[in-house]
N, C-alpha and C. Protein backbone atom coordinates (compact mmCIF):
# COMPACT_ATOMS: atom_id res chain seq x y z
N UNK A 1 -46.14 -164.64 49.90
CA UNK A 1 -44.98 -165.50 50.04
C UNK A 1 -45.35 -166.91 49.56
N UNK A 2 -44.47 -167.47 48.76
CA UNK A 2 -44.68 -168.83 48.28
C UNK A 2 -44.39 -169.81 49.41
N UNK A 3 -45.14 -170.90 49.40
CA UNK A 3 -44.91 -171.93 50.42
C UNK A 3 -43.53 -172.56 50.20
N UNK A 4 -42.84 -172.80 51.27
CA UNK A 4 -41.52 -173.41 51.20
C UNK A 4 -41.67 -174.93 51.21
N UNK A 5 -41.03 -175.60 50.26
CA UNK A 5 -41.16 -177.05 50.17
C UNK A 5 -40.01 -177.77 50.85
N UNK A 6 -38.88 -177.13 50.99
CA UNK A 6 -37.74 -177.75 51.64
C UNK A 6 -37.57 -177.13 53.02
N UNK A 7 -37.51 -178.00 54.01
CA UNK A 7 -37.37 -177.53 55.40
C UNK A 7 -35.95 -177.00 55.63
N UNK A 8 -35.82 -175.80 56.19
CA UNK A 8 -34.48 -175.25 56.48
C UNK A 8 -33.74 -176.16 57.46
N UNK A 9 -32.42 -176.12 57.40
CA UNK A 9 -31.57 -176.89 58.30
C UNK A 9 -30.71 -175.90 59.08
N UNK A 10 -30.80 -175.97 60.41
CA UNK A 10 -29.99 -175.11 61.27
C UNK A 10 -28.90 -175.95 61.92
N UNK A 11 -27.66 -175.60 61.63
CA UNK A 11 -26.49 -176.20 62.27
C UNK A 11 -26.15 -175.29 63.44
N UNK A 12 -26.18 -175.86 64.66
CA UNK A 12 -26.16 -174.99 65.83
C UNK A 12 -25.52 -175.71 67.01
N UNK A 13 -24.91 -174.93 67.89
CA UNK A 13 -24.44 -175.42 69.18
C UNK A 13 -25.37 -174.82 70.21
N UNK A 14 -26.08 -175.64 70.94
CA UNK A 14 -27.17 -175.16 71.78
C UNK A 14 -26.79 -174.00 72.70
N UNK A 15 -25.65 -174.04 73.43
CA UNK A 15 -25.34 -172.92 74.34
C UNK A 15 -24.88 -171.64 73.64
N UNK A 16 -24.56 -171.70 72.37
CA UNK A 16 -24.04 -170.52 71.65
C UNK A 16 -25.09 -169.42 71.60
N UNK A 17 -24.73 -168.21 72.04
CA UNK A 17 -25.69 -167.10 72.01
C UNK A 17 -26.05 -166.72 70.57
N UNK A 18 -25.11 -166.82 69.66
CA UNK A 18 -25.41 -166.52 68.25
C UNK A 18 -26.41 -167.53 67.69
N UNK A 19 -26.23 -168.79 68.03
CA UNK A 19 -27.17 -169.83 67.58
C UNK A 19 -28.53 -169.61 68.22
N UNK A 20 -28.52 -169.23 69.50
CA UNK A 20 -29.77 -169.00 70.21
C UNK A 20 -30.58 -167.90 69.53
N UNK A 21 -29.89 -166.84 69.09
CA UNK A 21 -30.58 -165.74 68.40
C UNK A 21 -31.39 -166.27 67.23
N UNK A 22 -30.74 -167.13 66.45
CA UNK A 22 -31.40 -167.65 65.25
C UNK A 22 -32.55 -168.58 65.63
N UNK A 23 -32.36 -169.44 66.61
CA UNK A 23 -33.46 -170.31 67.06
C UNK A 23 -34.63 -169.46 67.55
N UNK A 24 -34.33 -168.40 68.27
CA UNK A 24 -35.35 -167.49 68.79
C UNK A 24 -36.13 -166.86 67.63
N UNK A 25 -35.41 -166.35 66.64
CA UNK A 25 -36.05 -165.72 65.48
C UNK A 25 -36.90 -166.73 64.71
N UNK A 26 -36.38 -167.93 64.50
CA UNK A 26 -37.15 -168.96 63.80
C UNK A 26 -38.44 -169.27 64.57
N UNK A 27 -38.33 -169.37 65.89
CA UNK A 27 -39.51 -169.66 66.71
C UNK A 27 -40.53 -168.53 66.65
N UNK A 28 -40.07 -167.29 66.76
CA UNK A 28 -40.98 -166.14 66.70
C UNK A 28 -41.72 -166.09 65.37
N UNK A 29 -41.04 -166.49 64.31
CA UNK A 29 -41.64 -166.45 62.98
C UNK A 29 -42.41 -167.73 62.65
N UNK A 30 -42.37 -168.72 63.55
CA UNK A 30 -43.11 -169.96 63.33
C UNK A 30 -42.53 -170.81 62.21
N UNK A 31 -41.22 -170.73 62.01
CA UNK A 31 -40.57 -171.48 60.94
C UNK A 31 -40.06 -172.81 61.49
N UNK A 32 -40.56 -173.90 60.93
CA UNK A 32 -40.08 -175.22 61.31
C UNK A 32 -38.77 -175.48 60.59
N UNK A 33 -37.86 -176.18 61.26
CA UNK A 33 -36.55 -176.45 60.68
C UNK A 33 -36.00 -177.74 61.25
N UNK A 34 -35.03 -178.28 60.55
CA UNK A 34 -34.30 -179.45 61.04
C UNK A 34 -33.10 -178.94 61.82
N UNK A 35 -32.85 -179.53 62.98
CA UNK A 35 -31.74 -179.11 63.84
C UNK A 35 -30.60 -180.11 63.71
N UNK A 36 -29.40 -179.60 63.42
CA UNK A 36 -28.20 -180.44 63.39
C UNK A 36 -27.20 -179.86 64.38
N UNK A 37 -26.92 -180.63 65.41
CA UNK A 37 -26.00 -180.17 66.46
C UNK A 37 -24.57 -180.16 65.95
N UNK A 38 -23.86 -179.09 66.29
CA UNK A 38 -22.43 -178.96 66.02
C UNK A 38 -21.79 -178.61 67.36
N UNK A 39 -21.24 -179.60 68.03
CA UNK A 39 -20.67 -179.39 69.36
C UNK A 39 -19.30 -178.73 69.21
N UNK A 40 -19.11 -177.58 69.82
CA UNK A 40 -17.89 -176.79 69.62
C UNK A 40 -16.71 -177.28 70.44
N UNK A 41 -16.91 -178.25 71.33
CA UNK A 41 -15.81 -178.75 72.16
C UNK A 41 -15.57 -180.24 71.91
N UNK A 42 -16.64 -180.99 71.82
CA UNK A 42 -16.57 -182.44 71.66
C UNK A 42 -15.74 -182.82 70.42
N UNK A 43 -14.96 -183.85 70.54
CA UNK A 43 -14.13 -184.36 69.43
C UNK A 43 -13.18 -183.29 68.89
N UNK A 44 -12.74 -182.38 69.75
CA UNK A 44 -11.84 -181.31 69.30
C UNK A 44 -12.55 -180.18 68.57
N UNK A 45 -13.87 -180.20 68.60
CA UNK A 45 -14.67 -179.17 67.93
C UNK A 45 -15.22 -179.69 66.62
N UNK A 46 -16.50 -180.06 66.62
CA UNK A 46 -17.12 -180.63 65.42
C UNK A 46 -17.21 -179.63 64.27
N UNK A 47 -17.04 -178.35 64.57
CA UNK A 47 -17.06 -177.33 63.51
C UNK A 47 -15.83 -177.43 62.61
N UNK A 48 -14.82 -178.20 63.05
CA UNK A 48 -13.59 -178.34 62.27
C UNK A 48 -13.56 -179.59 61.41
N UNK A 49 -14.66 -180.36 61.39
CA UNK A 49 -14.69 -181.55 60.54
C UNK A 49 -14.70 -181.13 59.08
N UNK A 50 -14.21 -181.99 58.23
CA UNK A 50 -14.18 -181.68 56.79
C UNK A 50 -15.58 -181.41 56.25
N UNK A 51 -16.56 -182.17 56.73
CA UNK A 51 -17.94 -181.99 56.25
C UNK A 51 -18.47 -180.61 56.61
N UNK A 52 -18.25 -180.20 57.86
CA UNK A 52 -18.76 -178.88 58.27
C UNK A 52 -17.96 -177.76 57.61
N UNK A 53 -16.65 -177.94 57.49
CA UNK A 53 -15.82 -176.93 56.81
C UNK A 53 -16.27 -176.71 55.38
N UNK A 54 -16.70 -177.78 54.72
CA UNK A 54 -17.19 -177.65 53.34
C UNK A 54 -18.46 -176.81 53.29
N UNK A 55 -19.28 -176.91 54.33
CA UNK A 55 -20.51 -176.13 54.41
C UNK A 55 -20.22 -174.70 54.84
N UNK A 56 -19.36 -174.55 55.85
CA UNK A 56 -19.05 -173.24 56.42
C UNK A 56 -17.54 -173.15 56.67
N UNK A 57 -16.79 -172.62 55.70
CA UNK A 57 -15.33 -172.54 55.84
C UNK A 57 -14.85 -171.72 57.04
N UNK A 58 -15.72 -170.86 57.59
CA UNK A 58 -15.34 -170.09 58.77
C UNK A 58 -15.34 -170.94 60.03
N UNK A 59 -15.96 -172.12 59.96
CA UNK A 59 -16.01 -173.05 61.10
C UNK A 59 -16.66 -172.42 62.33
N UNK A 60 -17.78 -171.72 62.14
CA UNK A 60 -18.52 -171.10 63.23
C UNK A 60 -19.98 -171.54 63.17
N UNK A 61 -20.69 -171.32 64.24
CA UNK A 61 -22.13 -171.54 64.26
C UNK A 61 -22.80 -170.21 64.57
N UNK A 62 -24.01 -170.03 64.15
CA UNK A 62 -24.87 -170.97 63.43
C UNK A 62 -24.63 -170.92 61.93
N UNK A 63 -25.13 -171.96 61.27
CA UNK A 63 -25.22 -171.99 59.82
C UNK A 63 -26.64 -172.40 59.49
N UNK A 64 -27.29 -171.64 58.62
CA UNK A 64 -28.66 -171.96 58.22
C UNK A 64 -28.67 -172.24 56.72
N UNK A 65 -29.13 -173.44 56.38
CA UNK A 65 -29.36 -173.78 54.98
C UNK A 65 -30.84 -173.51 54.71
N UNK A 66 -31.09 -172.58 53.78
CA UNK A 66 -32.46 -172.17 53.50
C UNK A 66 -32.54 -171.61 52.08
N UNK A 67 -33.57 -171.97 51.36
CA UNK A 67 -33.81 -171.45 50.02
C UNK A 67 -32.62 -171.65 49.08
N UNK A 68 -31.89 -172.73 49.26
CA UNK A 68 -30.72 -172.98 48.41
C UNK A 68 -29.49 -172.19 48.79
N UNK A 69 -29.57 -171.45 49.91
CA UNK A 69 -28.46 -170.64 50.40
C UNK A 69 -27.86 -171.26 51.65
N UNK A 70 -26.62 -170.88 51.94
CA UNK A 70 -25.98 -171.22 53.20
C UNK A 70 -25.62 -169.90 53.85
N UNK A 71 -26.30 -169.57 54.95
CA UNK A 71 -26.09 -168.30 55.66
C UNK A 71 -25.37 -168.59 56.97
N UNK A 72 -24.37 -167.74 57.30
CA UNK A 72 -23.51 -168.08 58.42
C UNK A 72 -23.38 -167.04 59.52
N UNK A 73 -23.94 -165.91 59.42
CA UNK A 73 -23.86 -164.89 60.47
C UNK A 73 -25.25 -164.71 61.07
N UNK A 74 -25.37 -164.75 62.39
CA UNK A 74 -26.68 -164.73 63.03
C UNK A 74 -27.52 -163.52 62.64
N UNK A 75 -26.94 -162.35 62.62
CA UNK A 75 -27.73 -161.15 62.29
C UNK A 75 -28.10 -161.11 60.81
N UNK A 76 -27.22 -161.61 59.96
CA UNK A 76 -27.54 -161.72 58.53
C UNK A 76 -28.70 -162.71 58.35
N UNK A 77 -28.65 -163.81 59.07
CA UNK A 77 -29.72 -164.81 59.00
C UNK A 77 -31.04 -164.18 59.44
N UNK A 78 -31.03 -163.45 60.53
CA UNK A 78 -32.26 -162.83 61.04
C UNK A 78 -32.80 -161.81 60.03
N UNK A 79 -31.92 -161.01 59.46
CA UNK A 79 -32.38 -160.05 58.45
C UNK A 79 -32.95 -160.76 57.23
N UNK A 80 -32.32 -161.84 56.81
CA UNK A 80 -32.82 -162.61 55.67
C UNK A 80 -34.22 -163.15 55.98
N UNK A 81 -34.39 -163.69 57.18
CA UNK A 81 -35.71 -164.21 57.56
C UNK A 81 -36.75 -163.09 57.56
N UNK A 82 -36.38 -161.92 58.03
CA UNK A 82 -37.29 -160.77 58.01
C UNK A 82 -37.69 -160.42 56.58
N UNK A 83 -36.71 -160.40 55.70
CA UNK A 83 -36.97 -159.99 54.32
C UNK A 83 -37.76 -161.04 53.53
N UNK A 84 -37.58 -162.31 53.88
CA UNK A 84 -38.21 -163.36 53.08
C UNK A 84 -39.41 -164.03 53.73
N UNK A 85 -39.56 -163.90 55.04
CA UNK A 85 -40.63 -164.61 55.72
C UNK A 85 -41.66 -163.68 56.35
N UNK A 86 -41.42 -162.39 56.34
CA UNK A 86 -42.42 -161.46 56.83
C UNK A 86 -42.55 -161.39 58.34
N UNK A 87 -43.71 -160.85 58.80
CA UNK A 87 -43.89 -160.59 60.22
C UNK A 87 -43.93 -161.85 61.06
N UNK A 88 -43.63 -161.70 62.37
CA UNK A 88 -43.29 -160.44 63.02
C UNK A 88 -41.90 -159.99 62.61
N UNK A 89 -41.77 -158.70 62.32
CA UNK A 89 -40.49 -158.14 61.90
C UNK A 89 -39.61 -157.86 63.10
N UNK A 90 -38.39 -158.33 63.04
CA UNK A 90 -37.45 -158.13 64.12
C UNK A 90 -36.57 -156.91 63.88
N UNK A 91 -36.53 -156.46 62.65
CA UNK A 91 -35.88 -155.20 62.30
C UNK A 91 -37.03 -154.28 61.91
N UNK A 92 -37.22 -153.18 62.63
CA UNK A 92 -38.40 -152.32 62.40
C UNK A 92 -38.42 -151.70 61.00
N UNK A 93 -39.09 -152.37 60.07
CA UNK A 93 -39.14 -151.94 58.68
C UNK A 93 -39.89 -150.63 58.47
N UNK A 94 -40.97 -150.47 59.20
CA UNK A 94 -41.84 -149.30 58.97
C UNK A 94 -41.31 -148.02 59.57
N UNK A 95 -40.34 -148.12 60.46
CA UNK A 95 -39.88 -146.95 61.18
C UNK A 95 -38.36 -146.82 61.03
N UNK A 96 -37.90 -146.08 60.04
CA UNK A 96 -36.46 -145.97 59.79
C UNK A 96 -35.66 -145.49 61.00
N UNK A 97 -36.21 -144.59 61.81
CA UNK A 97 -35.47 -144.10 62.98
C UNK A 97 -35.28 -145.23 63.99
N UNK A 98 -36.31 -146.04 64.19
CA UNK A 98 -36.18 -147.19 65.09
C UNK A 98 -35.18 -148.19 64.53
N UNK A 99 -35.23 -148.39 63.22
CA UNK A 99 -34.31 -149.35 62.59
C UNK A 99 -32.87 -148.91 62.79
N UNK A 100 -32.62 -147.62 62.68
CA UNK A 100 -31.27 -147.10 62.86
C UNK A 100 -30.77 -147.30 64.28
N UNK A 101 -31.67 -147.29 65.25
CA UNK A 101 -31.28 -147.45 66.65
C UNK A 101 -31.20 -148.92 67.07
N UNK A 102 -31.70 -149.83 66.24
CA UNK A 102 -31.71 -151.25 66.58
C UNK A 102 -30.27 -151.74 66.76
N UNK A 103 -30.06 -152.62 67.70
CA UNK A 103 -28.71 -153.08 68.03
C UNK A 103 -28.05 -153.90 66.91
N UNK A 104 -27.56 -153.38 66.42
CA UNK A 104 -26.70 -154.14 65.49
C UNK A 104 -25.32 -154.55 66.24
N UNK A 105 -8.06 -162.12 75.68
CA UNK A 105 -7.09 -162.59 76.62
C UNK A 105 -7.56 -163.84 77.35
N UNK A 106 -8.06 -164.89 76.52
CA UNK A 106 -8.84 -165.97 77.11
C UNK A 106 -8.09 -167.29 77.13
N UNK A 107 -8.12 -167.94 78.25
CA UNK A 107 -7.70 -169.32 78.44
C UNK A 107 -8.73 -169.90 79.38
N UNK A 108 -8.74 -171.23 79.53
CA UNK A 108 -9.73 -171.84 80.41
C UNK A 108 -9.69 -171.26 81.82
N UNK A 109 -8.49 -170.92 82.28
CA UNK A 109 -8.37 -170.41 83.65
C UNK A 109 -8.91 -168.99 83.78
N UNK A 110 -9.01 -168.25 82.67
CA UNK A 110 -9.48 -166.86 82.72
C UNK A 110 -10.84 -166.65 82.07
N UNK A 111 -11.46 -167.73 81.58
CA UNK A 111 -12.69 -167.61 80.81
C UNK A 111 -13.78 -166.87 81.56
N UNK A 112 -13.97 -167.19 82.84
CA UNK A 112 -15.03 -166.56 83.61
C UNK A 112 -14.79 -165.06 83.78
N UNK A 113 -13.58 -164.69 84.14
CA UNK A 113 -13.25 -163.26 84.30
C UNK A 113 -13.38 -162.52 82.98
N UNK A 114 -12.92 -163.13 81.91
CA UNK A 114 -12.99 -162.52 80.58
C UNK A 114 -14.44 -162.28 80.18
N UNK A 115 -15.28 -163.33 80.33
CA UNK A 115 -16.69 -163.21 79.98
C UNK A 115 -17.39 -162.14 80.80
N UNK A 116 -17.13 -162.15 82.09
CA UNK A 116 -17.74 -161.17 82.99
C UNK A 116 -17.31 -159.75 82.61
N UNK A 117 -16.04 -159.57 82.31
CA UNK A 117 -15.51 -158.24 81.94
C UNK A 117 -16.22 -157.70 80.70
N UNK A 118 -16.29 -158.50 79.63
CA UNK A 118 -16.85 -158.00 78.37
C UNK A 118 -18.35 -157.86 78.41
N UNK A 119 -19.03 -158.75 79.11
CA UNK A 119 -20.47 -158.60 79.24
C UNK A 119 -20.80 -157.35 80.05
N UNK A 120 -20.08 -157.13 81.15
CA UNK A 120 -20.29 -155.93 81.97
C UNK A 120 -20.01 -154.67 81.17
N UNK A 121 -18.92 -154.66 80.43
CA UNK A 121 -18.58 -153.49 79.61
C UNK A 121 -19.70 -153.19 78.60
N UNK A 122 -20.19 -154.22 77.95
CA UNK A 122 -21.27 -154.04 76.99
C UNK A 122 -22.57 -153.61 77.65
N UNK A 123 -22.92 -154.25 78.76
CA UNK A 123 -24.17 -153.93 79.44
C UNK A 123 -24.14 -152.53 80.06
N UNK A 124 -22.97 -152.04 80.50
CA UNK A 124 -22.88 -150.68 81.05
C UNK A 124 -23.35 -149.66 80.02
N UNK A 125 -22.91 -149.81 78.77
CA UNK A 125 -23.33 -148.86 77.74
C UNK A 125 -24.72 -149.18 77.22
N UNK A 126 -25.06 -150.45 77.11
CA UNK A 126 -26.38 -150.83 76.62
C UNK A 126 -27.48 -150.32 77.54
N UNK A 127 -27.26 -150.39 78.83
CA UNK A 127 -28.25 -149.90 79.79
C UNK A 127 -28.59 -148.43 79.50
N UNK A 128 -27.58 -147.64 79.21
CA UNK A 128 -27.80 -146.21 78.91
C UNK A 128 -28.59 -146.03 77.61
N UNK A 129 -28.27 -146.82 76.60
CA UNK A 129 -28.98 -146.75 75.32
C UNK A 129 -30.44 -147.14 75.51
N UNK A 130 -30.66 -148.25 76.20
CA UNK A 130 -32.03 -148.74 76.38
C UNK A 130 -32.89 -147.80 77.21
N UNK A 131 -32.27 -147.03 78.09
CA UNK A 131 -33.04 -146.05 78.86
C UNK A 131 -33.69 -145.03 77.92
N UNK A 132 -33.11 -144.85 76.74
CA UNK A 132 -33.66 -143.89 75.77
C UNK A 132 -34.59 -144.55 74.75
N UNK A 133 -34.43 -145.85 74.50
CA UNK A 133 -35.18 -146.49 73.42
C UNK A 133 -36.24 -147.47 73.88
N UNK A 134 -36.12 -147.97 75.11
CA UNK A 134 -36.99 -149.06 75.55
C UNK A 134 -38.42 -148.62 75.76
N UNK A 135 -39.29 -149.51 75.41
CA UNK A 135 -40.70 -149.44 75.78
C UNK A 135 -40.95 -150.74 76.52
N UNK A 136 -41.88 -151.51 76.02
CA UNK A 136 -42.12 -152.84 76.57
C UNK A 136 -40.90 -153.74 76.29
N UNK A 137 -40.23 -153.47 75.17
CA UNK A 137 -39.05 -154.24 74.76
C UNK A 137 -37.89 -153.27 74.53
N UNK A 138 -36.81 -153.73 73.94
CA UNK A 138 -35.61 -152.90 73.78
C UNK A 138 -35.85 -151.62 72.99
N UNK A 139 -36.57 -151.73 71.88
CA UNK A 139 -36.83 -150.58 71.02
C UNK A 139 -38.33 -150.47 70.85
N UNK A 140 -38.97 -149.78 71.77
CA UNK A 140 -40.41 -149.61 71.68
C UNK A 140 -41.18 -150.79 72.25
N UNK A 141 -42.36 -151.03 71.66
CA UNK A 141 -43.27 -152.03 72.20
C UNK A 141 -43.42 -153.28 71.34
N UNK A 142 -42.49 -153.47 70.40
CA UNK A 142 -42.49 -154.67 69.57
C UNK A 142 -41.16 -155.37 69.72
N UNK A 143 -41.19 -156.70 69.69
CA UNK A 143 -39.95 -157.48 69.73
C UNK A 143 -39.16 -157.18 68.46
N UNK A 144 -37.86 -156.88 68.63
CA UNK A 144 -36.98 -156.60 67.48
C UNK A 144 -35.73 -157.46 67.59
N UNK A 145 -34.85 -157.31 66.63
CA UNK A 145 -33.60 -158.03 66.64
C UNK A 145 -32.81 -157.75 67.92
N UNK A 146 -32.95 -156.57 68.46
CA UNK A 146 -32.25 -156.22 69.70
C UNK A 146 -32.64 -157.18 70.82
N UNK A 147 -33.92 -157.52 70.93
CA UNK A 147 -34.37 -158.45 71.96
C UNK A 147 -33.86 -159.86 71.69
N UNK A 148 -33.88 -160.24 70.41
CA UNK A 148 -33.40 -161.56 70.02
C UNK A 148 -31.92 -161.73 70.39
N UNK A 149 -31.14 -160.67 70.28
CA UNK A 149 -29.72 -160.72 70.65
C UNK A 149 -29.51 -160.60 72.15
N UNK A 150 -30.34 -159.82 72.80
CA UNK A 150 -30.14 -159.55 74.22
C UNK A 150 -30.45 -160.75 75.12
N UNK A 151 -31.52 -161.46 74.84
CA UNK A 151 -31.92 -162.56 75.73
C UNK A 151 -30.81 -163.60 75.90
N UNK A 152 -30.19 -164.09 74.81
CA UNK A 152 -29.10 -165.06 75.03
C UNK A 152 -27.90 -164.46 75.76
N UNK A 153 -27.66 -163.16 75.54
CA UNK A 153 -26.53 -162.52 76.22
C UNK A 153 -26.79 -162.39 77.71
N UNK A 154 -28.04 -162.17 78.09
CA UNK A 154 -28.38 -162.14 79.51
C UNK A 154 -28.17 -163.53 80.11
N UNK A 155 -28.50 -164.56 79.34
CA UNK A 155 -28.22 -165.92 79.81
C UNK A 155 -26.71 -166.10 80.03
N UNK A 156 -25.90 -165.59 79.11
CA UNK A 156 -24.44 -165.65 79.28
C UNK A 156 -24.02 -164.89 80.54
N UNK A 157 -24.65 -163.74 80.77
CA UNK A 157 -24.33 -162.95 81.96
C UNK A 157 -24.59 -163.75 83.24
N UNK A 158 -25.70 -164.46 83.25
CA UNK A 158 -26.01 -165.30 84.42
C UNK A 158 -24.97 -166.40 84.57
N UNK A 159 -24.57 -166.97 83.45
CA UNK A 159 -23.57 -168.05 83.47
C UNK A 159 -22.24 -167.55 84.03
N UNK A 160 -21.88 -166.30 83.69
CA UNK A 160 -20.62 -165.72 84.16
C UNK A 160 -20.79 -164.94 85.46
N UNK A 161 -21.97 -165.06 86.07
CA UNK A 161 -22.26 -164.46 87.38
C UNK A 161 -22.12 -162.93 87.39
N UNK A 162 -22.63 -162.29 86.34
CA UNK A 162 -22.66 -160.84 86.28
C UNK A 162 -23.81 -160.36 87.16
N UNK A 163 -23.56 -159.35 87.98
CA UNK A 163 -24.59 -158.78 88.86
C UNK A 163 -25.60 -158.01 88.00
N UNK A 164 -26.79 -158.57 87.81
CA UNK A 164 -27.76 -158.00 86.89
C UNK A 164 -28.65 -156.92 87.53
N UNK A 165 -28.65 -156.80 88.85
CA UNK A 165 -29.51 -155.80 89.48
C UNK A 165 -29.11 -154.37 89.12
N UNK A 166 -27.89 -154.18 88.65
CA UNK A 166 -27.45 -152.84 88.25
C UNK A 166 -27.92 -152.47 86.84
N UNK A 167 -28.66 -153.37 86.20
CA UNK A 167 -29.16 -153.14 84.85
C UNK A 167 -30.68 -153.29 84.81
N UNK A 168 -31.41 -152.40 85.46
CA UNK A 168 -32.87 -152.55 85.53
C UNK A 168 -33.57 -152.44 84.19
N UNK A 169 -33.05 -151.65 83.28
CA UNK A 169 -33.70 -151.53 81.98
C UNK A 169 -33.48 -152.79 81.16
N UNK A 170 -32.27 -153.33 81.21
CA UNK A 170 -31.98 -154.57 80.48
C UNK A 170 -32.85 -155.70 81.00
N UNK A 171 -32.96 -155.84 82.29
CA UNK A 171 -33.70 -156.97 82.85
C UNK A 171 -35.21 -156.74 82.89
N UNK A 172 -35.65 -155.50 82.72
CA UNK A 172 -37.07 -155.17 82.85
C UNK A 172 -38.02 -155.90 81.94
N UNK A 173 -37.70 -156.03 80.67
CA UNK A 173 -38.64 -156.65 79.73
C UNK A 173 -38.34 -158.09 79.41
N UNK A 174 -37.31 -158.67 80.03
CA UNK A 174 -36.89 -160.01 79.65
C UNK A 174 -37.94 -161.07 79.92
N UNK A 175 -38.73 -160.92 80.95
CA UNK A 175 -39.73 -161.94 81.25
C UNK A 175 -40.76 -162.02 80.14
N UNK A 176 -40.87 -160.97 79.35
CA UNK A 176 -41.85 -160.95 78.29
C UNK A 176 -41.33 -161.55 76.98
N UNK A 177 -39.99 -161.69 76.84
CA UNK A 177 -39.45 -162.20 75.58
C UNK A 177 -38.69 -163.51 75.72
N UNK A 178 -38.49 -164.00 76.92
CA UNK A 178 -37.75 -165.24 77.09
C UNK A 178 -38.58 -166.39 76.55
N UNK A 179 -37.99 -167.16 75.59
CA UNK A 179 -38.75 -168.27 75.00
C UNK A 179 -38.89 -169.43 75.97
């Protein structure tokens, strides 16, 4: 891999789980980057400014400027980092079967109930999947994209007061991957 001369720029909202995934992946890979905060509520949502819209017309976070590209989807960003920056691999390249199994009504007054409902619905099925795939981490004994996505979502679950004791497989390896 050629040395990178331009430092990547991550446009991110700190509490965003999608942004967290990318920060987590960058940290695991030891990639230094410049952080530019995009507050999703302040000033009516900084993602809607003309400057940010010009960078990312979807007006979402995260956005990563790297290698002359502007990447805007967290999982696409993580895959790009895997393909261009090498190990540790978050998508299991050497094991196609593991790679195939890798995880790929709201108002302010209802936000908590809505979040709790969807996180619980997702975790109910995820717990069953992880019972079949988990080792030390979500898919075997190496950190993968599944772990990078799961950790911020567990943080969201705590924020929305989801009862986590009913998900022993989900919570089992988290102490080993929490940054």
